[in-house]
Amino acid sequence: MKIQIINGPNLNLLGQREPGIYGSESFDAYLEQGELIDKMQQAGFFEPCDGIVLNAGAYTHTSVALHDCIRSLRCPVIEVHISNVHQREPFRHHSFLSAACKGVICGFGLDSYRLAIEALLK
């Protein structure tokens, strides 16, 4: 099974940015990095994969373009967040992406990625 992992802005700063919320481990130490809409379309159409794990970062709460992109894909997308966004600022409680995704996993640190991959494998 081919699964694409795609990260949004600021996730390159994991381990340095707000370690009390996001932890002290860098994402490079955990998984590879990716891009957004172009990468998703590539994975969904041109180099088809079986699923996408997407952490869109702050774009989760602002991007109708990402919502539309996800709806257009031929493979399922799992939305992930390292922190529990519902324990954070009120503007983070709404996701423009959730309605377009197969599922949402949040609050389990970097294990959110593993849980999303396990969901896609089932």
Protein backbone atom coordinates (compact mmCIF):
# COMPACT_ATOMS: atom_id res chain seq x y z
CA MET A 1 0.00 0.00 0.00
CA LYS A 2 1.30 3.45 -0.91
CA ILE A 3 0.50 6.20 1.63
CA GLN A 4 1.58 9.80 1.18
CA ILE A 5 2.28 11.94 4.27
CA ILE A 6 1.89 15.67 3.67
CA ASN A 7 2.65 18.46 6.15
CA GLY A 8 1.61 22.09 6.19
CA PRO A 9 3.40 25.18 7.47
CA ASN A 10 5.55 25.31 10.60
CA LEU A 11 5.80 21.55 11.00
CA ASN A 12 9.44 21.83 9.97
CA LEU A 13 9.94 23.49 13.38
CA LEU A 14 8.81 20.51 15.44
CA GLY A 15 11.09 19.98 18.37
CA GLN A 16 11.84 23.72 18.54
CA ARG A 17 8.44 25.43 18.29
CA GLU A 18 6.33 25.32 21.45
CA PRO A 19 7.67 21.98 22.75
CA GLY A 20 5.12 22.08 25.58
CA ILE A 21 2.39 21.63 22.96
CA TYR A 22 4.12 19.78 20.11
CA GLY A 23 6.85 17.85 21.92
CA SER A 24 10.62 17.96 21.58
CA GLU A 25 11.10 15.47 18.74
CA SER A 26 11.67 16.84 15.24
CA PHE A 27 9.50 15.58 12.44
CA ASP A 28 12.61 14.67 10.43
CA ALA A 29 13.41 12.24 13.18
CA TYR A 30 9.93 10.73 12.81
CA LEU A 31 8.87 10.82 9.12
CA GLU A 32 9.63 12.54 5.81
CA GLN A 33 8.24 15.97 4.90
CA GLY A 34 5.86 16.93 2.05
CA GLU A 35 4.11 19.84 0.34
CA LEU A 36 0.43 20.79 0.10
CA ILE A 37 -2.03 21.11 -2.81
CA ASP A 38 0.41 20.23 -5.61
CA LYS A 39 1.67 17.23 -3.65
CA MET A 40 -1.88 16.10 -2.83
CA GLN A 41 -2.96 16.33 -6.46
CA GLN A 42 0.15 14.45 -7.52
CA ALA A 43 -0.66 11.68 -5.01
CA GLY A 44 -4.35 11.67 -5.89
CA PHE A 45 -4.10 11.76 -9.69
CA PHE A 46 -0.67 11.58 -11.29
CA GLU A 47 1.16 9.14 -9.03
CA PRO A 48 -1.86 7.53 -7.37
CA CYS A 49 -1.55 6.33 -3.82
CA ASP A 50 -3.91 4.42 -1.55
CA GLY A 51 -4.31 7.20 1.01
CA ILE A 52 -2.99 10.49 2.31
CA VAL A 53 -2.17 11.47 5.88
CA LEU A 54 -2.46 15.26 6.04
CA ASN A 55 -1.36 17.63 8.78
CA ALA A 56 -2.21 20.96 7.21
CA GLY A 57 -1.16 22.96 10.25
CA ALA A 58 -2.85 26.36 10.45
CA TYR A 59 -4.31 25.91 6.95
CA THR A 60 -6.75 23.50 8.59
CA HIS A 61 -8.61 26.47 10.03
CA THR A 62 -8.39 28.79 7.01
CA SER A 63 -8.24 26.96 3.68
CA VAL A 64 -11.29 26.32 1.55
CA ALA A 65 -8.82 25.58 -1.28
CA LEU A 66 -7.48 22.54 0.62
CA HIS A 67 -11.06 21.39 1.35
CA ASP A 68 -11.85 21.55 -2.38
CA CYS A 69 -8.62 19.74 -3.24
CA ILE A 70 -9.37 16.90 -0.81
CA ARG A 71 -12.88 16.49 -2.24
CA SER A 72 -11.41 16.10 -5.73
CA LEU A 73 -9.01 13.27 -4.83
CA ARG A 74 -9.58 9.60 -5.62
CA CYS A 75 -8.00 8.35 -2.39
CA PRO A 76 -9.01 8.79 1.25
CA VAL A 77 -7.40 11.54 3.34
CA ILE A 78 -6.94 11.34 7.11
CA GLU A 79 -6.56 14.72 8.84
CA VAL A 80 -4.04 14.62 11.70
CA HIS A 81 -2.95 17.03 14.40
CA ILE A 82 -0.17 16.51 16.92
CA SER A 83 -1.96 18.50 19.62
CA ASN A 84 -5.59 18.22 20.71
CA VAL A 85 -6.87 21.27 18.82
CA HIS A 86 -10.04 21.30 20.95
CA GLN A 87 -7.96 22.11 24.05
CA ARG A 88 -6.43 25.11 22.32
CA GLU A 89 -7.56 28.54 21.17
CA PRO A 90 -11.19 28.72 19.99
CA PHE A 91 -10.23 29.48 16.37
CA ARG A 92 -8.51 26.08 16.21
CA HIS A 93 -11.74 24.26 17.10
CA HIS A 94 -13.06 24.56 13.52
CA SER A 95 -11.54 22.68 10.60
CA PHE A 96 -12.36 23.47 6.99
CA LEU A 97 -10.91 20.06 6.10
CA SER A 98 -12.69 17.59 8.39
CA ALA A 99 -15.87 17.36 6.33
CA ALA A 100 -13.83 16.40 3.25
CA CYS A 101 -11.65 13.82 5.04
CA LYS A 102 -12.33 10.17 5.80
CA GLY A 103 -11.38 10.76 9.44
CA VAL A 104 -9.60 13.01 11.94
CA ILE A 105 -7.00 12.07 14.56
CA CYS A 106 -5.68 14.62 17.04
CA GLY A 107 -3.94 14.90 20.35
CA PHE A 108 -1.63 11.88 20.31
CA GLY A 109 1.60 13.67 19.48
CA LEU A 110 3.56 12.22 16.60
CA ASP A 111 1.68 8.95 17.17
CA SER A 112 -1.24 10.67 15.41
CA TYR A 113 0.57 9.82 12.15
CA ARG A 114 0.93 6.15 13.08
CA LEU A 115 -2.74 5.95 14.05
CA ALA A 116 -3.75 7.52 10.73
CA ILE A 117 -1.61 5.04 8.79
CA GLU A 118 -3.11 2.15 10.75
CA ALA A 119 -6.60 3.46 9.88
CA LEU A 120 -5.73 3.57 6.19
CA LEU A 121 -4.28 0.07 6.30
CA LYS A 122 -7.60 -1.26 7.61
